[in-house]
Amino acid sequence: MIERVSRAIHQLVETYAGDDIIAVAHGGTIRAALVLALGLDPEASLAFTIENCSITRIDRLDGPGMGHGWRVVTVNRPPR
């Protein structure tokens, strides 16, 4: 699943470079995206609780000095 989610994310980021992308996804998909963004071992993603209707924001950062390319802004934030 992590491989499929990673491929999809990379494809979306390439196709919509510079645009915001909003995805409605299952908790497992969100955990897979966190594995990609944080460089985690897959099992470590199980430490995240993803509640129904919560908001997770992951930003893609491009350019030199931007770490490994991702910033996790929030995970599992309740909607306002």
PDB file of N, CA and C in Angstrom:
ATOM      1  N   MET A   1       0.818  -1.187   0.000  1.00  0.00           N
ATOM      2  CA  MET A   1       0.000   0.000   0.000  1.00  0.00           C
ATOM      3  C   MET A   1       0.868   1.258   0.000  1.00  0.00           C
ATOM      4  N   ILE A   2       1.938   1.226   0.772  1.00  0.00           N
ATOM      5  CA  ILE A   2       2.825   2.392   0.837  1.00  0.00           C
ATOM      6  C   ILE A   2       3.407   2.706  -0.540  1.00  0.00           C
ATOM      7  N   GLU A   3       3.785   1.672  -1.280  1.00  0.00           N
ATOM      8  CA  GLU A   3       4.316   1.897  -2.629  1.00  0.00           C
ATOM      9  C   GLU A   3       3.267   2.526  -3.546  1.00  0.00           C
ATOM     10  N   ARG A   4       2.033   2.026  -3.488  1.00  0.00           N
ATOM     11  CA  ARG A   4       0.966   2.581  -4.340  1.00  0.00           C
ATOM     12  C   ARG A   4       0.669   4.036  -3.974  1.00  0.00           C
ATOM     13  N   VAL A   5       0.588   4.314  -2.683  1.00  0.00           N
ATOM     14  CA  VAL A   5       0.310   5.682  -2.240  1.00  0.00           C
ATOM     15  C   VAL A   5       1.459   6.605  -2.622  1.00  0.00           C
ATOM     16  N   SER A   6       2.686   6.158  -2.434  1.00  0.00           N
ATOM     17  CA  SER A   6       3.845   6.984  -2.791  1.00  0.00           C
ATOM     18  C   SER A   6       3.866   7.304  -4.281  1.00  0.00           C
ATOM     19  N   ARG A   7       3.600   6.288  -5.120  1.00  0.00           N
ATOM     20  CA  ARG A   7       3.540   6.537  -6.574  1.00  0.00           C
ATOM     21  C   ARG A   7       2.456   7.556  -6.903  1.00  0.00           C
ATOM     22  N   ALA A   8       1.288   7.393  -6.295  1.00  0.00           N
ATOM     23  CA  ALA A   8       0.183   8.314  -6.576  1.00  0.00           C
ATOM     24  C   ALA A   8       0.525   9.734  -6.132  1.00  0.00           C
ATOM     25  N   ILE A   9       1.117   9.868  -4.967  1.00  0.00           N
ATOM     26  CA  ILE A   9       1.488  11.200  -4.473  1.00  0.00           C
ATOM     27  C   ILE A   9       2.508  11.842  -5.397  1.00  0.00           C
ATOM     28  N   HIS A  10       3.534  11.107  -5.773  1.00  0.00           N
ATOM     29  CA  HIS A  10       4.554  11.672  -6.670  1.00  0.00           C
ATOM     30  C   HIS A  10       3.945  12.070  -8.017  1.00  0.00           C
ATOM     31  N   GLN A  11       3.032  11.262  -8.521  1.00  0.00           N
ATOM     32  CA  GLN A  11       2.375  11.590  -9.789  1.00  0.00           C
ATOM     33  C   GLN A  11       1.525  12.855  -9.643  1.00  0.00           C
ATOM     34  N   LEU A  12       0.771  12.960  -8.573  1.00  0.00           N
ATOM     35  CA  LEU A  12      -0.053  14.151  -8.356  1.00  0.00           C
ATOM     36  C   LEU A  12       0.797  15.401  -8.194  1.00  0.00           C
ATOM     37  N   VAL A  13       1.881  15.296  -7.428  1.00  0.00           N
ATOM     38  CA  VAL A  13       2.770  16.443  -7.217  1.00  0.00           C
ATOM     39  C   VAL A  13       3.386  16.893  -8.532  1.00  0.00           C
ATOM     40  N   GLU A  14       3.734  15.942  -9.388  1.00  0.00           N
ATOM     41  CA  GLU A  14       4.317  16.286 -10.692  1.00  0.00           C
ATOM     42  C   GLU A  14       3.263  16.894 -11.616  1.00  0.00           C
ATOM     43  N   THR A  15       2.095  16.286 -11.657  1.00  0.00           N
ATOM     44  CA  THR A  15       1.037  16.753 -12.555  1.00  0.00           C
ATOM     45  C   THR A  15       0.520  18.128 -12.157  1.00  0.00           C
ATOM     46  N   TYR A  16       0.409  18.362 -10.857  1.00  0.00           N
ATOM     47  CA  TYR A  16      -0.172  19.613 -10.362  1.00  0.00           C
ATOM     48  C   TYR A  16       0.861  20.465  -9.632  1.00  0.00           C
ATOM     49  N   ALA A  17       2.081  20.474 -10.139  1.00  0.00           N
ATOM     50  CA  ALA A  17       3.168  21.239  -9.513  1.00  0.00           C
ATOM     51  C   ALA A  17       2.736  22.678  -9.270  1.00  0.00           C
ATOM     52  N   GLY A  18       2.941  23.143  -8.061  1.00  0.00           N
ATOM     53  CA  GLY A  18       2.600  24.516  -7.700  1.00  0.00           C
ATOM     54  C   GLY A  18       1.169  24.715  -7.262  1.00  0.00           C
ATOM     55  N   ASP A  19       0.326  23.714  -7.427  1.00  0.00           N
ATOM     56  CA  ASP A  19      -1.075  23.808  -7.019  1.00  0.00           C
ATOM     57  C   ASP A  19      -1.286  23.102  -5.686  1.00  0.00           C
ATOM     58  N   ASP A  20      -2.357  23.485  -4.993  1.00  0.00           N
ATOM     59  CA  ASP A  20      -2.766  22.769  -3.792  1.00  0.00           C
ATOM     60  C   ASP A  20      -3.537  21.529  -4.208  1.00  0.00           C
ATOM     61  N   ILE A  21      -3.319  20.437  -3.506  1.00  0.00           N
ATOM     62  CA  ILE A  21      -4.028  19.190  -3.761  1.00  0.00           C
ATOM     63  C   ILE A  21      -4.755  18.812  -2.477  1.00  0.00           C
ATOM     64  N   ILE A  22      -6.038  18.576  -2.587  1.00  0.00           N
ATOM     65  CA  ILE A  22      -6.836  18.138  -1.440  1.00  0.00           C
ATOM     66  C   ILE A  22      -7.310  16.725  -1.738  1.00  0.00           C
ATOM     67  N   ALA A  23      -7.034  15.816  -0.811  1.00  0.00           N
ATOM     68  CA  ALA A  23      -7.431  14.420  -0.989  1.00  0.00           C
ATOM     69  C   ALA A  23      -8.277  13.981   0.200  1.00  0.00           C
ATOM     70  N   VAL A  24      -9.330  13.289  -0.076  1.00  0.00           N
ATOM     71  CA  VAL A  24     -10.146  12.664   0.963  1.00  0.00           C
ATOM     72  C   VAL A  24      -9.742  11.197   0.965  1.00  0.00           C
ATOM     73  N   ALA A  25      -9.235  10.722   2.102  1.00  0.00           N
ATOM     74  CA  ALA A  25      -8.633   9.394   2.112  1.00  0.00           C
ATOM     75  C   ALA A  25      -8.902   8.644   3.409  1.00  0.00           C
ATOM     76  N   HIS A  26      -8.722   7.345   3.333  1.00  0.00           N
ATOM     77  CA  HIS A  26      -8.822   6.424   4.457  1.00  0.00           C
ATOM     78  C   HIS A  26      -7.596   6.597   5.361  1.00  0.00           C
ATOM     79  N   GLY A  27      -7.726   6.245   6.623  1.00  0.00           N
ATOM     80  CA  GLY A  27      -6.620   6.374   7.569  1.00  0.00           C
ATOM     81  C   GLY A  27      -5.355   5.650   7.143  1.00  0.00           C
ATOM     82  N   GLY A  28      -5.491   4.495   6.522  1.00  0.00           N
ATOM     83  CA  GLY A  28      -4.319   3.750   6.062  1.00  0.00           C
ATOM     84  C   GLY A  28      -3.565   4.494   4.977  1.00  0.00           C
ATOM     85  N   THR A  29      -4.293   5.166   4.108  1.00  0.00           N
ATOM     86  CA  THR A  29      -3.667   5.971   3.054  1.00  0.00           C
ATOM     87  C   THR A  29      -2.926   7.150   3.668  1.00  0.00           C
ATOM     88  N   ILE A  30      -3.521   7.760   4.673  1.00  0.00           N
ATOM     89  CA  ILE A  30      -2.876   8.890   5.349  1.00  0.00           C
ATOM     90  C   ILE A  30      -1.605   8.421   6.054  1.00  0.00           C
ATOM     91  N   ARG A  31      -1.661   7.273   6.711  1.00  0.00           N
ATOM     92  CA  ARG A  31      -0.457   6.732   7.357  1.00  0.00           C
ATOM     93  C   ARG A  31       0.638   6.453   6.319  1.00  0.00           C
ATOM     94  N   ALA A  32       0.264   5.939   5.166  1.00  0.00           N
ATOM     95  CA  ALA A  32       1.242   5.685   4.101  1.00  0.00           C
ATOM     96  C   ALA A  32       1.876   6.993   3.641  1.00  0.00           C
ATOM     97  N   ALA A  33       1.098   8.043   3.530  1.00  0.00           N
ATOM     98  CA  ALA A  33       1.639   9.353   3.150  1.00  0.00           C
ATOM     99  C   ALA A  33       2.598   9.869   4.217  1.00  0.00           C
ATOM    100  N   LEU A  34       2.311   9.606   5.469  1.00  0.00           N
ATOM    101  CA  LEU A  34       3.214  10.018   6.552  1.00  0.00           C
ATOM    102  C   LEU A  34       4.527   9.235   6.506  1.00  0.00           C
ATOM    103  N   VAL A  35       4.468   7.964   6.125  1.00  0.00           N
ATOM    104  CA  VAL A  35       5.694   7.173   5.939  1.00  0.00           C
ATOM    105  C   VAL A  35       6.577   7.842   4.895  1.00  0.00           C
ATOM    106  N   LEU A  36       5.973   8.240   3.777  1.00  0.00           N
ATOM    107  CA  LEU A  36       6.717   8.929   2.722  1.00  0.00           C
ATOM    108  C   LEU A  36       7.297  10.248   3.231  1.00  0.00           C
ATOM    109  N   ALA A  37       6.460  11.069   3.839  1.00  0.00           N
ATOM    110  CA  ALA A  37       6.878  12.413   4.252  1.00  0.00           C
ATOM    111  C   ALA A  37       7.939  12.399   5.347  1.00  0.00           C
ATOM    112  N   LEU A  38       7.834  11.454   6.266  1.00  0.00           N
ATOM    113  CA  LEU A  38       8.745  11.434   7.413  1.00  0.00           C
ATOM    114  C   LEU A  38       9.865  10.415   7.288  1.00  0.00           C
ATOM    115  N   GLY A  39       9.842   9.621   6.213  1.00  0.00           N
ATOM    116  CA  GLY A  39      10.877   8.607   6.034  1.00  0.00           C
ATOM    117  C   GLY A  39      10.828   7.528   7.109  1.00  0.00           C
ATOM    118  N   LEU A  40       9.625   7.147   7.508  1.00  0.00           N
ATOM    119  CA  LEU A  40       9.440   6.176   8.586  1.00  0.00           C
ATOM    120  C   LEU A  40       9.500   4.741   8.079  1.00  0.00           C
ATOM    121  N   ASP A  41       9.784   3.836   9.006  1.00  0.00           N
ATOM    122  CA  ASP A  41       9.556   2.419   8.733  1.00  0.00           C
ATOM    123  C   ASP A  41       8.048   2.233   8.703  1.00  0.00           C
ATOM    124  N   PRO A  42       7.539   1.378   7.840  1.00  0.00           N
ATOM    125  CA  PRO A  42       6.085   1.203   7.733  1.00  0.00           C
ATOM    126  C   PRO A  42       5.392   0.933   9.065  1.00  0.00           C
ATOM    127  N   GLU A  43       5.985   0.105   9.903  1.00  0.00           N
ATOM    128  CA  GLU A  43       5.349  -0.225  11.178  1.00  0.00           C
ATOM    129  C   GLU A  43       5.200   0.997  12.084  1.00  0.00           C
ATOM    130  N   ALA A  44       6.105   1.952  11.964  1.00  0.00           N
ATOM    131  CA  ALA A  44       6.051   3.154  12.792  1.00  0.00           C
ATOM    132  C   ALA A  44       4.802   3.989  12.505  1.00  0.00           C
ATOM    133  N   SER A  45       4.243   3.856  11.316  1.00  0.00           N
ATOM    134  CA  SER A  45       3.047   4.637  10.978  1.00  0.00           C
ATOM    135  C   SER A  45       1.846   4.231  11.823  1.00  0.00           C
ATOM    136  N   LEU A  46       1.888   3.028  12.389  1.00  0.00           N
ATOM    137  CA  LEU A  46       0.778   2.574  13.226  1.00  0.00           C
ATOM    138  C   LEU A  46       0.689   3.343  14.539  1.00  0.00           C
ATOM    139  N   ALA A  47       1.714   4.123  14.861  1.00  0.00           N
ATOM    140  CA  ALA A  47       1.675   4.957  16.059  1.00  0.00           C
ATOM    141  C   ALA A  47       0.734   6.151  15.895  1.00  0.00           C
ATOM    142  N   PHE A  48       0.358   6.464  14.658  1.00  0.00           N
ATOM    143  CA  PHE A  48      -0.553   7.587  14.399  1.00  0.00           C
ATOM    144  C   PHE A  48      -1.998   7.122  14.472  1.00  0.00           C
ATOM    145  N   THR A  49      -2.810   7.869  15.185  1.00  0.00           N
ATOM    146  CA  THR A  49      -4.249   7.657  15.189  1.00  0.00           C
ATOM    147  C   THR A  49      -4.845   8.629  14.187  1.00  0.00           C
ATOM    148  N   ILE A  50      -5.661   8.120  13.292  1.00  0.00           N
ATOM    149  CA  ILE A  50      -6.321   8.966  12.305  1.00  0.00           C
ATOM    150  C   ILE A  50      -7.826   8.823  12.530  1.00  0.00           C
ATOM    151  N   GLU A  51      -8.421   9.841  13.094  1.00  0.00           N
ATOM    152  CA  GLU A  51      -9.855   9.831  13.387  1.00  0.00           C
ATOM    153  C   GLU A  51     -10.657  10.154  12.125  1.00  0.00           C
ATOM    154  N   ASN A  52     -11.887   9.682  12.082  1.00  0.00           N
ATOM    155  CA  ASN A  52     -12.791  10.021  10.984  1.00  0.00           C
ATOM    156  C   ASN A  52     -12.937  11.533  10.876  1.00  0.00           C
ATOM    157  N   CYS A  53     -12.922  12.020   9.671  1.00  0.00           N
ATOM    158  CA  CYS A  53     -13.127  13.447   9.346  1.00  0.00           C
ATOM    159  C   CYS A  53     -12.031  14.363   9.892  1.00  0.00           C
ATOM    160  N   SER A  54     -10.914  13.824  10.340  1.00  0.00           N
ATOM    161  CA  SER A  54      -9.823  14.673  10.820  1.00  0.00           C
ATOM    162  C   SER A  54      -9.032  15.211   9.626  1.00  0.00           C
ATOM    163  N   ILE A  55      -8.201  16.188   9.907  1.00  0.00           N
ATOM    164  CA  ILE A  55      -7.425  16.847   8.857  1.00  0.00           C
ATOM    165  C   ILE A  55      -5.940  16.579   9.084  1.00  0.00           C
ATOM    166  N   THR A  56      -5.281  16.120   8.037  1.00  0.00           N
ATOM    167  CA  THR A  56      -3.833  15.967   8.025  1.00  0.00           C
ATOM    168  C   THR A  56      -3.321  16.805   6.865  1.00  0.00           C
ATOM    169  N   ARG A  57      -2.303  17.614   7.139  1.00  0.00           N
ATOM    170  CA  ARG A  57      -1.734  18.451   6.081  1.00  0.00           C
ATOM    171  C   ARG A  57      -0.250  18.151   5.949  1.00  0.00           C
ATOM    172  N   ILE A  58       0.145  17.811   4.730  1.00  0.00           N
ATOM    173  CA  ILE A  58       1.540  17.534   4.401  1.00  0.00           C
ATOM    174  C   ILE A  58       1.890  18.416   3.210  1.00  0.00           C
ATOM    175  N   ASP A  59       2.917  19.252   3.365  1.00  0.00           N
ATOM    176  CA  ASP A  59       3.343  20.158   2.297  1.00  0.00           C
ATOM    177  C   ASP A  59       4.562  19.588   1.587  1.00  0.00           C
ATOM    178  N   ARG A  60       4.588  19.742   0.276  1.00  0.00           N
ATOM    179  CA  ARG A  60       5.762  19.397  -0.530  1.00  0.00           C
ATOM    180  C   ARG A  60       6.617  20.641  -0.646  1.00  0.00           C
ATOM    181  N   LEU A  61       7.892  20.516  -0.282  1.00  0.00           N
ATOM    182  CA  LEU A  61       8.827  21.638  -0.339  1.00  0.00           C
ATOM    183  C   LEU A  61       9.866  21.350  -1.401  1.00  0.00           C
ATOM    184  N   ASP A  62      10.049  22.283  -2.315  1.00  0.00           N
ATOM    185  CA  ASP A  62      11.036  22.119  -3.375  1.00  0.00           C
ATOM    186  C   ASP A  62      12.141  23.146  -3.211  1.00  0.00           C
ATOM    187  N   GLY A  63      13.304  22.783  -3.678  1.00  0.00           N
ATOM    188  CA  GLY A  63      14.414  23.724  -3.691  1.00  0.00           C
ATOM    189  C   GLY A  63      15.502  23.350  -2.704  1.00  0.00           C
ATOM    190  N   PRO A  64      16.666  23.970  -2.861  1.00  0.00           N
ATOM    191  CA  PRO A  64      17.792  23.674  -1.984  1.00  0.00           C
ATOM    192  C   PRO A  64      17.508  24.120  -0.551  1.00  0.00           C
ATOM    193  N   GLY A  65      18.046  23.386   0.385  1.00  0.00           N
ATOM    194  CA  GLY A  65      17.891  23.741   1.792  1.00  0.00           C
ATOM    195  C   GLY A  65      16.527  23.396   2.354  1.00  0.00           C
ATOM    196  N   MET A  66      15.762  22.566   1.663  1.00  0.00           N
ATOM    197  CA  MET A  66      14.409  22.250   2.113  1.00  0.00           C
ATOM    198  C   MET A  66      14.313  20.854   2.730  1.00  0.00           C
ATOM    199  N   GLY A  67      15.406  20.383   3.305  1.00  0.00           N
ATOM    200  CA  GLY A  67      15.367  19.066   3.931  1.00  0.00           C
ATOM    201  C   GLY A  67      15.141  17.985   2.900  1.00  0.00           C
ATOM    202  N   HIS A  68      14.319  17.025   3.237  1.00  0.00           N
ATOM    203  CA  HIS A  68      14.067  15.930   2.293  1.00  0.00           C
ATOM    204  C   HIS A  68      12.784  16.129   1.502  1.00  0.00           C
ATOM    205  N   GLY A  69      12.242  17.343   1.505  1.00  0.00           N
ATOM    206  CA  GLY A  69      11.174  17.676   0.582  1.00  0.00           C
ATOM    207  C   GLY A  69       9.761  17.695   1.122  1.00  0.00           C
ATOM    208  N   TRP A  70       9.555  17.374   2.390  1.00  0.00           N
ATOM    209  CA  TRP A  70       8.198  17.346   2.938  1.00  0.00           C
ATOM    210  C   TRP A  70       8.156  18.044   4.289  1.00  0.00           C
ATOM    211  N   ARG A  71       7.020  18.651   4.588  1.00  0.00           N
ATOM    212  CA  ARG A  71       6.777  19.244   5.909  1.00  0.00           C
ATOM    213  C   ARG A  71       5.399  18.769   6.362  1.00  0.00           C
ATOM    214  N   VAL A  72       5.338  18.170   7.527  1.00  0.00           N
ATOM    215  CA  VAL A  72       4.063  17.738   8.098  1.00  0.00           C
ATOM    216  C   VAL A  72       3.564  18.883   8.975  1.00  0.00           C
ATOM    217  N   VAL A  73       2.468  19.495   8.563  1.00  0.00           N
ATOM    218  CA  VAL A  73       1.932  20.664   9.251  1.00  0.00           C
ATOM    219  C   VAL A  73       1.016  20.239  10.402  1.00  0.00           C
ATOM    220  N   THR A  74       0.153  19.266  10.142  1.00  0.00           N
ATOM    221  CA  THR A  74      -0.755  18.789  11.186  1.00  0.00           C
ATOM    222  C   THR A  74      -1.189  17.368  10.863  1.00  0.00           C
ATOM    223  N   VAL A  75      -1.454  16.599  11.904  1.00  0.00           N
ATOM    224  CA  VAL A  75      -1.947  15.236  11.769  1.00  0.00           C
ATOM    225  C   VAL A  75      -3.139  15.065  12.704  1.00  0.00           C
ATOM    226  N   ASN A  76      -4.231  14.573  12.147  1.00  0.00           N
ATOM    227  CA  ASN A  76      -5.401  14.205  12.947  1.00  0.00           C
ATOM    228  C   ASN A  76      -6.070  15.400  13.636  1.00  0.00           C
ATOM    229  N   ARG A  77      -6.020  16.563  13.012  1.00  0.00           N
ATOM    230  CA  ARG A  77      -6.652  17.747  13.593  1.00  0.00           C
ATOM    231  C   ARG A  77      -8.161  17.658  13.382  1.00  0.00           C
ATOM    232  N   PRO A  78      -8.942  17.909  14.429  1.00  0.00           N
ATOM    233  CA  PRO A  78     -10.385  17.896  14.241  1.00  0.00           C
ATOM    234  C   PRO A  78     -10.824  19.061  13.343  1.00  0.00           C
ATOM    235  N   PRO A  79     -11.854  18.861  12.537  1.00  0.00           N
ATOM    236  CA  PRO A  79     -12.343  19.973  11.713  1.00  0.00           C
ATOM    237  C   PRO A  79     -12.924  21.050  12.615  1.00  0.00           C
ATOM    238  N   ARG A  80     -12.887  22.265  12.148  1.00  0.00           N
ATOM    239  CA  ARG A  80     -13.411  23.381  12.960  1.00  0.00           C
ATOM    240  C   ARG A  80     -14.889  23.507  12.825  1.00  0.00           C
TER     241      ARG A  80
END
